[in-house]
Amino acid sequence: MSECNCSACTNCKFCNASEDERPIFTAKFKGEDLCVCAKCLPSLIHG
């Protein structure tokens, strides 16, 4: 299992919001690390 590279997350993958604008969360999906902001997280969860 690979380690999460959370420190590399500075912008949301979907809207490009920075960590200065919104909280950024790291998620792992299909083996890929995703950086997602609080606004885009529901879309990722609910499709």
N, C-alpha and C. Protein backbone atom coordinates (compact mmCIF):
# COMPACT_ATOMS: atom_id res chain seq x y z
N MET A 1 0.84 -1.17 0.00
CA MET A 1 0.00 0.00 0.00
C MET A 1 0.89 1.24 0.00
N SER A 2 0.58 2.20 -0.86
CA SER A 2 1.41 3.40 -0.95
C SER A 2 0.98 4.44 0.07
N GLU A 3 1.92 5.28 0.42
CA GLU A 3 1.67 6.35 1.38
C GLU A 3 0.98 7.52 0.68
N CYS A 4 0.10 8.18 1.40
CA CYS A 4 -0.56 9.38 0.90
C CYS A 4 0.44 10.54 0.90
N ASN A 5 0.46 11.29 -0.17
CA ASN A 5 1.34 12.45 -0.26
C ASN A 5 0.51 13.71 -0.02
N CYS A 6 -0.05 13.82 1.19
CA CYS A 6 -0.98 14.91 1.52
C CYS A 6 -0.35 16.29 1.40
N SER A 7 0.92 16.40 1.65
CA SER A 7 1.56 17.71 1.57
C SER A 7 1.59 18.25 0.15
N ALA A 8 1.39 17.40 -0.84
CA ALA A 8 1.39 17.83 -2.23
C ALA A 8 0.06 18.45 -2.64
N CYS A 9 -0.97 18.30 -1.82
CA CYS A 9 -2.29 18.83 -2.14
C CYS A 9 -2.37 20.30 -1.78
N THR A 10 -2.42 21.14 -2.79
CA THR A 10 -2.56 22.58 -2.55
C THR A 10 -3.74 23.17 -3.29
N ASN A 11 -4.26 22.46 -4.32
CA ASN A 11 -5.39 22.94 -5.09
C ASN A 11 -6.38 21.82 -5.37
N CYS A 12 -7.65 22.18 -5.43
CA CYS A 12 -8.70 21.21 -5.74
C CYS A 12 -8.58 20.74 -7.18
N LYS A 13 -8.71 19.44 -7.37
CA LYS A 13 -8.62 18.86 -8.72
C LYS A 13 -9.77 19.32 -9.62
N PHE A 14 -10.91 19.64 -9.02
CA PHE A 14 -12.10 19.95 -9.81
C PHE A 14 -12.27 21.45 -10.10
N CYS A 15 -12.10 22.31 -9.09
CA CYS A 15 -12.33 23.75 -9.30
C CYS A 15 -11.06 24.58 -9.16
N ASN A 16 -9.96 23.94 -8.80
CA ASN A 16 -8.65 24.58 -8.67
C ASN A 16 -8.58 25.58 -7.51
N ALA A 17 -9.53 25.52 -6.58
CA ALA A 17 -9.46 26.39 -5.40
C ALA A 17 -8.21 26.05 -4.60
N SER A 18 -7.59 27.07 -4.05
CA SER A 18 -6.37 26.84 -3.28
C SER A 18 -6.70 26.57 -1.82
N GLU A 19 -5.71 26.10 -1.10
CA GLU A 19 -5.89 25.85 0.33
C GLU A 19 -6.08 27.15 1.11
N ASP A 20 -5.78 28.29 0.49
CA ASP A 20 -6.02 29.58 1.12
C ASP A 20 -7.49 29.99 0.99
N GLU A 21 -8.20 29.42 0.01
CA GLU A 21 -9.61 29.75 -0.21
C GLU A 21 -10.57 28.82 0.53
N ARG A 22 -10.26 27.52 0.52
CA ARG A 22 -11.13 26.50 1.11
C ARG A 22 -10.28 25.38 1.70
N PRO A 23 -10.85 24.65 2.66
CA PRO A 23 -10.15 23.46 3.14
C PRO A 23 -9.98 22.45 2.01
N ILE A 24 -8.82 21.83 1.92
CA ILE A 24 -8.53 20.83 0.88
C ILE A 24 -8.36 19.48 1.56
N PHE A 25 -9.07 18.48 1.04
CA PHE A 25 -9.02 17.12 1.57
C PHE A 25 -8.36 16.21 0.55
N THR A 26 -7.71 15.19 1.05
CA THR A 26 -7.10 14.19 0.17
C THR A 26 -7.95 12.93 0.21
N ALA A 27 -8.25 12.41 -0.96
CA ALA A 27 -9.01 11.16 -1.07
C ALA A 27 -8.26 10.25 -2.02
N LYS A 28 -8.43 8.98 -1.83
CA LYS A 28 -7.82 8.00 -2.73
C LYS A 28 -8.95 7.32 -3.50
N PHE A 29 -8.88 7.31 -4.82
CA PHE A 29 -9.92 6.73 -5.66
C PHE A 29 -9.27 6.00 -6.82
N LYS A 30 -9.54 4.71 -6.92
CA LYS A 30 -8.98 3.86 -7.98
C LYS A 30 -7.46 3.99 -8.06
N GLY A 31 -6.83 4.03 -6.89
CA GLY A 31 -5.38 4.09 -6.82
C GLY A 31 -4.78 5.46 -7.03
N GLU A 32 -5.61 6.47 -7.21
CA GLU A 32 -5.11 7.82 -7.46
C GLU A 32 -5.41 8.71 -6.25
N ASP A 33 -4.44 9.53 -5.86
CA ASP A 33 -4.66 10.51 -4.79
C ASP A 33 -5.35 11.73 -5.41
N LEU A 34 -6.47 12.11 -4.82
CA LEU A 34 -7.21 13.28 -5.29
C LEU A 34 -7.18 14.36 -4.22
N CYS A 35 -7.05 15.60 -4.64
CA CYS A 35 -7.16 16.75 -3.75
C CYS A 35 -8.49 17.41 -4.06
N VAL A 36 -9.35 17.49 -3.06
CA VAL A 36 -10.71 17.98 -3.26
C VAL A 36 -11.04 19.02 -2.20
N CYS A 37 -11.64 20.14 -2.61
CA CYS A 37 -12.01 21.17 -1.64
C CYS A 37 -13.37 20.83 -1.02
N ALA A 38 -13.69 21.55 0.06
CA ALA A 38 -14.92 21.31 0.79
C ALA A 38 -16.16 21.51 -0.08
N LYS A 39 -16.10 22.42 -1.04
CA LYS A 39 -17.25 22.68 -1.92
C LYS A 39 -17.46 21.54 -2.92
N CYS A 40 -16.40 20.93 -3.41
CA CYS A 40 -16.50 19.89 -4.43
C CYS A 40 -16.62 18.49 -3.84
N LEU A 41 -16.34 18.32 -2.56
CA LEU A 41 -16.39 17.02 -1.91
C LEU A 41 -17.75 16.33 -2.06
N PRO A 42 -18.88 17.02 -1.85
CA PRO A 42 -20.19 16.35 -2.03
C PRO A 42 -20.38 15.76 -3.43
N SER A 43 -19.88 16.43 -4.44
CA SER A 43 -19.98 15.90 -5.81
C SER A 43 -19.21 14.60 -5.97
N LEU A 44 -18.07 14.52 -5.31
CA LEU A 44 -17.27 13.31 -5.36
C LEU A 44 -17.98 12.17 -4.63
N ILE A 45 -18.60 12.50 -3.51
CA ILE A 45 -19.28 11.49 -2.72
C ILE A 45 -20.55 10.99 -3.41
N HIS A 46 -21.35 11.91 -3.92
CA HIS A 46 -22.67 11.57 -4.46
C HIS A 46 -22.69 11.38 -5.98
N GLY A 47 -21.58 11.64 -6.63
CA GLY A 47 -21.49 11.43 -8.08
C GLY A 47 -22.11 12.49 -8.81
